Amino acid sequence: MTRRSHASQGGTALVVGMIMLVLITLMLMTALNLGTTNFRAMSNMQFRAEATAAANKAIEQVIGSPFTDAPAAEEVLVDLDNNGATDYSVQIAQPQCVFAAQAFGADPSSLSLPPSMSVASTWSTVWDIDATVNGADNAGGAAVRVRTGVRVLLTEVEKDAVCP
């Protein structure tokens, strides 16, 4: 009788072993998928942080230029790691003058402005600068948009030329 019970259980061990192999394989595949998903999420977060830094750097470059002379849309190529290769292409929309008011109060510093700019001829203007970094190079395709405002003192003639 013991011989028969060993013979009838021989196939059962093989089936149980195969089920265990399938379960272990499914667990490994699930772990691999979770790891890949986490990697993609971290890559998108890194892209977002770098793209935001690139947009801010491009905005600073525009603000440092005489952009109020002839406001125009432009593309700014940004090299974040200073290796000589362009890392991001930032699209800067045409800067918009959103507010202008005559600057009252004390005269601006005579050291930083020409003497022709007095209180009567100085206008405080507020500009909206909009930068966009498209995510074509990013696996997730995410895009970043950064907007900032800046105040610029202009003469009345300059203000009339660029502000409504």
Protein backbone atom coordinates (compact mmCIF):
# COMPACT_ATOMS: atom_id res chain seq x y z
CA MET A 1 0.00 0.00 0.00
CA THR A 2 2.89 2.43 0.64
CA ARG A 3 4.13 1.88 -2.86
CA ARG A 4 0.88 3.03 -4.37
CA SER A 5 0.68 6.21 -2.28
CA HIS A 6 4.21 7.24 -3.42
CA ALA A 7 3.33 6.55 -7.01
CA SER A 8 0.07 8.55 -6.89
CA GLN A 9 1.76 11.58 -5.23
CA GLY A 10 4.69 11.86 -7.68
CA GLY A 11 2.77 14.07 -10.12
CA THR A 12 1.38 16.26 -7.34
CA ALA A 13 4.84 17.48 -6.31
CA LEU A 14 5.58 18.46 -9.90
CA VAL A 15 2.32 20.46 -10.20
CA VAL A 16 2.91 22.22 -6.86
CA GLY A 17 6.49 23.03 -7.90
CA MET A 18 5.29 24.51 -11.23
CA ILE A 19 2.67 26.64 -9.46
CA MET A 20 5.36 27.96 -7.09
CA LEU A 21 7.65 28.83 -10.05
CA VAL A 22 4.81 30.70 -11.76
CA LEU A 23 4.03 32.65 -8.56
CA ILE A 24 7.69 33.58 -8.04
CA THR A 25 7.95 34.69 -11.69
CA LEU A 26 4.86 36.90 -11.33
CA MET A 27 6.26 38.46 -8.15
CA LEU A 28 9.56 39.26 -9.91
CA MET A 29 7.76 40.78 -12.90
CA THR A 30 5.67 42.97 -10.58
CA ALA A 31 8.79 44.13 -8.74
CA LEU A 32 10.46 44.98 -12.08
CA ASN A 33 7.42 46.97 -13.23
CA LEU A 34 7.32 48.92 -9.96
CA GLY A 35 11.01 49.73 -10.27
CA THR A 36 10.56 50.94 -13.85
CA THR A 37 7.60 53.12 -12.86
CA ASN A 38 9.58 54.69 -10.02
CA PHE A 39 12.50 55.34 -12.39
CA ARG A 40 10.20 57.12 -14.86
CA ALA A 41 8.67 59.22 -12.10
CA MET A 42 12.09 60.26 -10.82
CA SER A 43 13.27 61.05 -14.37
CA ASN A 44 10.25 63.33 -14.89
CA MET A 45 10.89 65.05 -11.57
CA GLN A 46 14.54 65.61 -12.53
CA PHE A 47 13.50 66.98 -15.94
CA ARG A 48 11.03 69.33 -14.29
CA ALA A 49 13.64 70.68 -11.87
CA GLU A 50 16.24 71.16 -14.63
CA ALA A 51 13.72 72.72 -17.03
CA THR A 52 12.56 75.15 -14.34
CA ALA A 53 16.18 76.12 -13.70
CA ALA A 54 16.73 76.58 -17.45
CA ALA A 55 13.60 78.75 -17.77
CA ASN A 56 14.69 80.90 -14.81
CA LYS A 57 18.17 81.29 -16.30
CA ALA A 58 16.67 82.35 -19.65
CA ILE A 59 14.37 84.86 -17.92
CA GLU A 60 17.33 86.32 -16.05
CA GLN A 61 19.19 86.64 -19.35
CA VAL A 62 16.24 88.50 -20.91
CA ILE A 63 15.84 90.78 -17.89
CA GLY A 64 19.56 91.59 -18.06
CA SER A 65 19.22 92.72 -21.68
CA PRO A 66 17.56 95.91 -22.91
CA PHE A 67 14.36 93.99 -23.70
CA THR A 68 12.18 97.10 -23.32
CA ASP A 69 13.79 98.76 -26.36
CA ALA A 70 11.96 96.42 -28.76
CA PRO A 71 10.09 93.62 -26.94
CA ALA A 72 10.01 90.48 -29.07
CA ALA A 73 9.60 86.75 -28.65
CA GLU A 74 12.84 84.83 -28.73
CA GLU A 75 14.43 81.45 -28.22
CA VAL A 76 17.15 81.22 -25.59
CA LEU A 77 19.54 78.26 -25.63
CA VAL A 78 20.60 77.29 -22.12
CA ASP A 79 23.66 75.29 -21.07
CA LEU A 80 23.03 74.34 -17.44
CA ASP A 81 26.15 72.30 -16.81
CA ASN A 82 28.54 74.68 -18.63
CA ASN A 83 29.97 71.99 -20.89
CA GLY A 84 29.51 73.98 -24.10
CA ALA A 85 26.47 72.00 -25.30
CA THR A 86 22.90 73.30 -25.25
CA ASP A 87 20.86 71.45 -22.64
CA TYR A 88 17.49 73.18 -23.07
CA SER A 89 15.80 75.44 -25.59
CA VAL A 90 13.60 77.98 -23.82
CA GLN A 91 10.87 79.83 -25.72
CA ILE A 92 10.37 83.35 -24.37
CA ALA A 93 7.06 84.95 -25.36
CA GLN A 94 7.05 88.63 -26.23
CA PRO A 95 7.40 90.54 -22.94
CA GLN A 96 4.18 92.41 -22.17
CA CYS A 97 3.95 95.76 -20.44
CA VAL A 98 1.03 95.19 -18.09
CA PHE A 99 1.14 98.38 -16.03
CA ALA A 100 2.67 101.83 -16.21
CA ALA A 101 2.49 104.59 -13.64
CA GLN A 102 4.37 107.79 -13.20
CA ALA A 103 7.08 107.39 -10.57
CA PHE A 104 6.48 109.89 -7.78
CA GLY A 105 8.54 110.48 -4.71
CA ALA A 106 12.23 110.97 -4.37
CA ASP A 107 14.40 111.31 -7.44
CA PRO A 108 16.09 108.11 -8.55
CA SER A 109 19.74 107.82 -7.65
CA SER A 110 21.77 110.16 -9.82
CA LEU A 111 24.54 107.58 -9.82
CA SER A 112 22.54 104.90 -11.63
CA LEU A 113 20.33 106.96 -13.98
CA PRO A 114 21.14 109.75 -16.41
CA PRO A 115 20.32 113.27 -15.25
CA SER A 116 17.56 113.59 -17.85
CA MET A 117 15.45 111.11 -15.87
CA SER A 118 13.68 113.16 -13.26
CA VAL A 119 10.58 112.35 -11.25
CA ALA A 120 8.40 114.04 -13.85
CA SER A 121 9.77 111.99 -16.74
CA THR A 122 10.24 108.62 -15.04
CA TRP A 123 7.63 105.89 -15.42
CA SER A 124 7.46 102.73 -13.36
CA THR A 125 6.45 99.91 -15.73
CA VAL A 126 5.62 96.31 -14.84
CA TRP A 127 6.43 93.60 -17.39
CA ASP A 128 5.21 90.01 -17.68
CA ILE A 129 7.81 87.57 -19.02
CA ASP A 130 6.66 84.06 -19.96
CA ALA A 131 9.12 81.20 -20.56
CA THR A 132 8.26 77.68 -21.79
CA VAL A 133 10.46 74.59 -22.00
CA ASN A 134 8.93 71.83 -24.11
CA GLY A 135 9.42 68.23 -23.08
CA ALA A 136 10.28 66.73 -26.47
CA ASP A 137 13.60 65.43 -25.11
CA ASN A 138 11.92 64.01 -22.02
CA ALA A 139 10.53 60.48 -22.07
CA GLY A 140 7.36 61.62 -20.32
CA GLY A 141 6.87 64.58 -22.65
CA ALA A 142 6.28 67.01 -19.77
CA ALA A 143 6.61 70.74 -20.38
CA VAL A 144 7.46 73.52 -17.94
CA ARG A 145 6.14 77.09 -18.01
CA VAL A 146 7.56 79.85 -15.81
CA ARG A 147 6.14 83.36 -15.62
CA THR A 148 7.68 86.27 -13.81
CA GLY A 149 7.10 89.97 -13.41
CA VAL A 150 9.72 92.67 -13.37
CA ARG A 151 9.56 96.41 -12.75
CA VAL A 152 11.52 98.67 -15.08
CA LEU A 153 11.94 102.44 -14.87
CA LEU A 154 11.53 104.07 -18.29
CA THR A 155 11.49 107.58 -19.59
CA GLU A 156 8.20 108.92 -20.89
CA VAL A 157 9.37 108.56 -24.49
CA GLU A 158 10.43 104.92 -23.90
CA LYS A 159 7.17 104.16 -22.10
CA ASP A 160 5.06 105.67 -24.89
CA ALA A 161 6.92 103.53 -27.45
CA VAL A 162 6.37 100.15 -25.72
CA CYS A 163 3.47 100.45 -23.25
CA PRO A 164 -0.14 100.99 -24.23
